[in-house]
C-alpha atoms as a PDB file:
ATOM      1  CA  MET A   1     100.846 120.079 119.821  1.00  0.00           C
ATOM      2  CA  SER A   2      99.738 122.965 117.629  1.00  0.00           C
ATOM      3  CA  ILE A   3     101.672 126.220 117.446  1.00  0.00           C
ATOM      4  CA  VAL A   4      99.596 129.216 118.523  1.00  0.00           C
ATOM      5  CA  PRO A   5     100.040 132.242 116.254  1.00  0.00           C
ATOM      6  CA  ASP A   6     100.999 135.693 117.486  1.00  0.00           C
ATOM      7  CA  ARG A   7      97.953 137.485 118.970  1.00  0.00           C
ATOM      8  CA  GLU A   8      98.493 140.411 116.561  1.00  0.00           C
ATOM      9  CA  SER A   9      97.585 138.088 113.683  1.00  0.00           C
ATOM     10  CA  LEU A  10      94.299 137.088 115.351  1.00  0.00           C
ATOM     11  CA  ILE A  11      90.903 138.727 115.747  1.00  0.00           C
ATOM     12  CA  GLN A  12      88.223 138.028 118.339  1.00  0.00           C
ATOM     13  CA  VAL A  13      84.974 136.813 116.768  1.00  0.00           C
ATOM     14  CA  GLY A  14      82.975 135.754 119.835  1.00  0.00           C
ATOM     15  CA  HIS A  15      83.063 133.924 123.145  1.00  0.00           C
ATOM     16  CA  VAL A  16      81.764 130.845 124.922  1.00  0.00           C
ATOM     17  CA  HIS A  17      78.644 131.938 126.767  1.00  0.00           C
ATOM     18  CA  THR A  18      77.700 128.863 128.791  1.00  0.00           C
ATOM     19  CA  ALA A  19      77.517 125.078 128.699  1.00  0.00           C
ATOM     20  CA  TYR A  20      74.694 123.455 126.725  1.00  0.00           C
ATOM     21  CA  GLY A  21      73.372 120.044 127.708  1.00  0.00           C
ATOM     22  CA  ILE A  22      75.374 117.232 129.272  1.00  0.00           C
ATOM     23  CA  LYS A  23      77.464 116.070 126.311  1.00  0.00           C
ATOM     24  CA  GLY A  24      80.028 118.893 126.316  1.00  0.00           C
ATOM     25  CA  TRP A  25      78.336 121.346 123.930  1.00  0.00           C
ATOM     26  CA  VAL A  26      78.620 125.101 124.536  1.00  0.00           C
ATOM     27  CA  TRP A  27      76.532 128.154 123.665  1.00  0.00           C
ATOM     28  CA  VAL A  28      78.546 130.439 121.394  1.00  0.00           C
ATOM     29  CA  MET A  29      78.047 134.215 121.304  1.00  0.00           C
ATOM     30  CA  SER A  30      79.111 135.440 117.883  1.00  0.00           C
ATOM     31  CA  ARG A  31      80.332 138.885 116.853  1.00  0.00           C
ATOM     32  CA  THR A  32      80.037 138.011 113.175  1.00  0.00           C
ATOM     33  CA  HIS A  33      77.266 138.997 110.791  1.00  0.00           C
ATOM     34  CA  PRO A  34      75.374 136.864 110.200  1.00  0.00           C
ATOM     35  CA  ILE A  35      76.112 135.156 113.492  1.00  0.00           C
ATOM     36  CA  ALA A  36      76.514 131.666 111.978  1.00  0.00           C
ATOM     37  CA  ASN A  37      79.525 132.918 109.994  1.00  0.00           C
ATOM     38  CA  ILE A  38      81.608 132.331 113.113  1.00  0.00           C
ATOM     39  CA  PHE A  39      81.718 128.662 112.096  1.00  0.00           C
ATOM     40  CA  ASN A  40      83.138 129.566 108.658  1.00  0.00           C
ATOM     41  CA  TYR A  41      86.300 131.093 110.120  1.00  0.00           C
ATOM     42  CA  GLY A  42      89.088 129.113 111.636  1.00  0.00           C
ATOM     43  CA  PRO A  43      91.009 127.622 113.105  1.00  0.00           C
ATOM     44  CA  TRP A  44      89.659 128.684 116.496  1.00  0.00           C
ATOM     45  CA  TYR A  45      91.833 129.633 119.458  1.00  0.00           C
ATOM     46  CA  LEU A  46      90.291 130.041 122.907  1.00  0.00           C
ATOM     47  CA  ASP A  47      91.623 132.667 125.285  1.00  0.00           C
ATOM     48  CA  ARG A  48      91.265 131.448 128.858  1.00  0.00           C
ATOM     49  CA  GLY A  49      92.909 133.744 131.370  1.00  0.00           C
ATOM     50  CA  GLY A  50      95.220 135.253 128.765  1.00  0.00           C
ATOM     51  CA  VAL A  51      96.414 131.887 127.446  1.00  0.00           C
ATOM     52  CA  LEU A  52      95.498 130.959 123.875  1.00  0.00           C
ATOM     53  CA  SER A  53      94.935 127.328 122.972  1.00  0.00           C
ATOM     54  CA  PRO A  54      93.731 125.757 119.715  1.00  0.00           C
ATOM     55  CA  VAL A  55      90.382 123.957 119.592  1.00  0.00           C
ATOM     56  CA  GLU A  56      88.612 122.021 116.889  1.00  0.00           C
ATOM     57  CA  ILE A  57      84.899 122.320 116.186  1.00  0.00           C
ATOM     58  CA  LEU A  58      83.494 118.788 116.022  1.00  0.00           C
ATOM     59  CA  ALA A  59      79.911 119.875 115.359  1.00  0.00           C
ATOM     60  CA  SER A  60      77.859 123.066 115.329  1.00  0.00           C
ATOM     61  CA  ARG A  61      74.297 124.180 114.708  1.00  0.00           C
ATOM     62  CA  PRO A  62      71.771 126.954 115.254  1.00  0.00           C
ATOM     63  CA  GLN A  63      69.785 126.418 118.462  1.00  0.00           C
ATOM     64  CA  ALA A  64      66.738 128.562 119.260  1.00  0.00           C
ATOM     65  CA  LYS A  65      67.978 132.135 118.612  1.00  0.00           C
ATOM     66  CA  GLY A  66      71.632 131.305 119.148  1.00  0.00           C
ATOM     67  CA  LEU A  67      74.416 128.899 118.272  1.00  0.00           C
ATOM     68  CA  VAL A  68      75.843 125.810 119.926  1.00  0.00           C
ATOM     69  CA  ALA A  69      79.039 123.916 119.231  1.00  0.00           C
ATOM     70  CA  GLN A  70      80.814 120.786 120.334  1.00  0.00           C
ATOM     71  CA  LEU A  71      84.554 121.261 120.750  1.00  0.00           C
ATOM     72  CA  ASP A  72      87.250 118.595 120.793  1.00  0.00           C
ATOM     73  CA  ILE A  73      88.324 119.539 124.332  1.00  0.00           C
ATOM     74  CA  CYS A  74      84.817 119.139 125.808  1.00  0.00           C
ATOM     75  CA  PRO A  75      83.820 115.520 126.361  1.00  0.00           C
ATOM     76  CA  ASP A  76      81.187 116.421 128.982  1.00  0.00           C
ATOM     77  CA  ARG A  77      79.319 119.185 130.810  1.00  0.00           C
ATOM     78  CA  ASN A  78      82.067 119.668 133.394  1.00  0.00           C
ATOM     79  CA  ALA A  79      84.651 120.341 130.678  1.00  0.00           C
ATOM     80  CA  ALA A  80      82.237 122.725 128.918  1.00  0.00           C
ATOM     81  CA  ASP A  81      81.717 124.646 132.168  1.00  0.00           C
ATOM     82  CA  THR A  82      85.461 125.397 132.314  1.00  0.00           C
ATOM     83  CA  LEU A  83      85.219 127.255 128.976  1.00  0.00           C
ATOM     84  CA  VAL A  84      82.537 129.750 130.015  1.00  0.00           C
ATOM     85  CA  GLY A  85      83.736 133.255 129.172  1.00  0.00           C
ATOM     86  CA  ALA A  86      86.578 132.085 126.933  1.00  0.00           C
ATOM     87  CA  ALA A  87      87.105 134.447 124.000  1.00  0.00           C
ATOM     88  CA  ILE A  88      87.119 132.896 120.517  1.00  0.00           C
ATOM     89  CA  TRP A  89      89.910 134.130 118.240  1.00  0.00           C
ATOM     90  CA  VAL A  90      90.633 133.287 114.610  1.00  0.00           C
ATOM     91  CA  PRO A  91      93.378 134.353 112.191  1.00  0.00           C
ATOM     92  CA  LYS A  92      92.621 137.727 110.613  1.00  0.00           C
ATOM     93  CA  SER A  93      93.506 136.140 107.292  1.00  0.00           C
ATOM     94  CA  ALA A  94      90.431 133.874 107.625  1.00  0.00           C
ATOM     95  CA  LEU A  95      88.074 136.864 107.376  1.00  0.00           C
ATOM     96  CA  PRO A  96      87.003 138.583 104.161  1.00  0.00           C
ATOM     97  CA  VAL A  97      89.148 141.536 103.110  1.00  0.00           C
ATOM     98  CA  LEU A  98      87.331 144.814 103.760  1.00  0.00           C
ATOM     99  CA  ASP A  99      87.236 147.947 101.680  1.00  0.00           C
ATOM    100  CA  GLU A 100      89.410 150.825 102.896  1.00  0.00           C
ATOM    101  CA  ASP A 101      86.449 152.542 104.588  1.00  0.00           C
ATOM    102  CA  GLU A 102      85.132 149.387 106.316  1.00  0.00           C
ATOM    103  CA  TYR A 103      86.229 148.129 109.738  1.00  0.00           C
ATOM    104  CA  TYR A 104      85.812 145.135 111.951  1.00  0.00           C
ATOM    105  CA  TRP A 105      84.534 146.293 115.326  1.00  0.00           C
ATOM    106  CA  SER A 106      87.262 144.417 117.140  1.00  0.00           C
ATOM    107  CA  GLU A 107      89.960 146.410 115.345  1.00  0.00           C
ATOM    108  CA  LEU A 108      88.395 149.654 116.636  1.00  0.00           C
ATOM    109  CA  ILE A 109      88.584 148.570 120.288  1.00  0.00           C
ATOM    110  CA  ASP A 110      91.225 150.543 122.241  1.00  0.00           C
ATOM    111  CA  MET A 111      91.708 153.110 119.463  1.00  0.00           C
ATOM    112  CA  LEU A 112      92.284 156.628 120.758  1.00  0.00           C
ATOM    113  CA  VAL A 113      89.371 158.997 120.015  1.00  0.00           C
ATOM    114  CA  VAL A 114      90.260 162.640 119.438  1.00  0.00           C
ATOM    115  CA  THR A 115      88.259 165.663 118.328  1.00  0.00           C
ATOM    116  CA  GLU A 116      89.153 167.780 115.329  1.00  0.00           C
ATOM    117  CA  GLN A 117      90.726 170.202 117.852  1.00  0.00           C
ATOM    118  CA  ASP A 118      92.946 167.335 119.123  1.00  0.00           C
ATOM    119  CA  ASP A 119      91.140 167.020 122.474  1.00  0.00           C
ATOM    120  CA  VAL A 120      91.470 163.418 123.683  1.00  0.00           C
ATOM    121  CA  LEU A 121      88.041 161.982 124.551  1.00  0.00           C
ATOM    122  CA  GLY A 122      89.307 158.526 125.490  1.00  0.00           C
ATOM    123  CA  ARG A 123      89.594 155.069 123.972  1.00  0.00           C
ATOM    124  CA  VAL A 124      87.006 152.915 122.258  1.00  0.00           C
ATOM    125  CA  HIS A 125      85.754 150.530 124.925  1.00  0.00           C
ATOM    126  CA  ALA A 126      83.087 148.797 122.841  1.00  0.00           C
ATOM    127  CA  MET A 127      80.732 149.135 119.912  1.00  0.00           C
ATOM    128  CA  MET A 128      76.961 148.844 120.151  1.00  0.00           C
ATOM    129  CA  GLU A 129      74.347 148.149 117.502  1.00  0.00           C
ATOM    130  CA  THR A 130      71.194 150.244 117.971  1.00  0.00           C
ATOM    131  CA  GLY A 131      69.277 149.813 114.725  1.00  0.00           C
ATOM    132  CA  ALA A 132      69.469 153.420 113.567  1.00  0.00           C
ATOM    133  CA  ASN A 133      73.267 153.480 113.583  1.00  0.00           C
ATOM    134  CA  ASP A 134      76.098 151.843 115.467  1.00  0.00           C
ATOM    135  CA  VAL A 135      77.456 153.601 118.558  1.00  0.00           C
ATOM    136  CA  ILE A 136      81.038 153.957 119.796  1.00  0.00           C
ATOM    137  CA  ILE A 137      81.401 153.646 123.565  1.00  0.00           C
ATOM    138  CA  VAL A 138      84.356 155.826 124.524  1.00  0.00           C
ATOM    139  CA  ARG A 139      85.857 155.632 128.018  1.00  0.00           C
ATOM    140  CA  ALA A 140      88.315 158.072 129.512  1.00  0.00           C
ATOM    141  CA  CYS A 141      91.959 157.087 129.522  1.00  0.00           C
ATOM    142  CA  GLU A 142      95.283 158.595 130.513  1.00  0.00           C
ATOM    143  CA  GLY A 143      95.478 161.962 128.800  1.00  0.00           C
ATOM    144  CA  SER A 144      91.719 162.353 128.361  1.00  0.00           C
ATOM    145  CA  MET A 145      90.308 165.828 128.781  1.00  0.00           C
ATOM    146  CA  ASP A 146      87.950 164.526 131.543  1.00  0.00           C
ATOM    147  CA  ASP A 147      86.637 161.336 133.127  1.00  0.00           C
ATOM    148  CA  GLN A 148      83.436 161.130 131.081  1.00  0.00           C
ATOM    149  CA  GLU A 149      82.199 158.061 129.245  1.00  0.00           C
ATOM    150  CA  ARG A 150      80.708 159.071 125.898  1.00  0.00           C
ATOM    151  CA  LEU A 151      78.402 157.405 123.388  1.00  0.00           C
ATOM    152  CA  LEU A 152      79.187 158.652 119.898  1.00  0.00           C
ATOM    153  CA  PRO A 153      77.175 157.703 116.828  1.00  0.00           C
ATOM    154  CA  TRP A 154      79.146 155.824 114.181  1.00  0.00           C
ATOM    155  CA  LEU A 155      78.347 158.184 111.328  1.00  0.00           C
ATOM    156  CA  PRO A 156      81.252 158.181 108.872  1.00  0.00           C
ATOM    157  CA  GLY A 157      81.750 161.534 107.186  1.00  0.00           C
ATOM    158  CA  ARG A 158      79.592 163.317 109.751  1.00  0.00           C
ATOM    159  CA  VAL A 159      80.788 162.389 113.241  1.00  0.00           C
ATOM    160  CA  VAL A 160      83.569 159.936 112.408  1.00  0.00           C
ATOM    161  CA  ARG A 161      85.916 161.969 110.233  1.00  0.00           C
ATOM    162  CA  PHE A 162      88.896 159.658 109.898  1.00  0.00           C
ATOM    163  CA  VAL A 163      90.082 156.282 111.169  1.00  0.00           C
ATOM    164  CA  ASP A 164      93.836 155.804 111.158  1.00  0.00           C
ATOM    165  CA  ARG A 165      94.531 152.083 111.474  1.00  0.00           C
ATOM    166  CA  ASN A 166      98.304 152.614 111.672  1.00  0.00           C
ATOM    167  CA  GLN A 167      98.207 155.253 114.437  1.00  0.00           C
ATOM    168  CA  ARG A 168      95.154 153.543 116.075  1.00  0.00           C
ATOM    169  CA  ARG A 169      93.249 156.857 116.221  1.00  0.00           C
ATOM    170  CA  ILE A 170      89.743 157.930 115.354  1.00  0.00           C
ATOM    171  CA  ARG A 171      89.197 161.608 114.609  1.00  0.00           C
ATOM    172  CA  VAL A 172      85.653 162.790 115.347  1.00  0.00           C
ATOM    173  CA  ASP A 173      83.619 165.955 114.859  1.00  0.00           C
ATOM    174  CA  TRP A 174      82.155 166.035 118.365  1.00  0.00           C
ATOM    175  CA  ASP A 175      81.528 168.714 120.972  1.00  0.00           C
ATOM    176  CA  PRO A 176      83.103 167.339 124.188  1.00  0.00           C
ATOM    177  CA  THR A 177      80.524 169.193 126.298  1.00  0.00           C
ATOM    178  CA  PHE A 178      77.682 167.266 124.674  1.00  0.00           C
END
């Protein structure tokens, strides 16, 4: 039995989308860029209902515009169906080291977003790629100035003024009435 590392040492890189075929393969939704890089990071741990368990990738390949994989715990379609929605986590140490001003989206999730006047807008719920620039989806939280959900452009130096990894805060130049 493999020891599962502390969740703080892991990062989510994707999830199991659905079963593929009858031989236990699964469609994999990747949060990596390019998407096939998800297979370069490991070992994988699947989060099913808050419980992490190690899995081994037996085979993987691009399929149409996505990715499929065969995992050691999936001998057939029925087993693959039980993994739908499972989050895929890998050790943070498996990923490339980023420059000080670069961030993995998953590390931004749940960070507190505050204006330069210290008004709390909420917490980062998700990130979205739009083509022109990435967008931060901020949802209200306890202590927020209102109950609004906001979409803020990820424009470092202009809108995003400072990201404090230690305090888990993002300071933004943003008019809350916008």
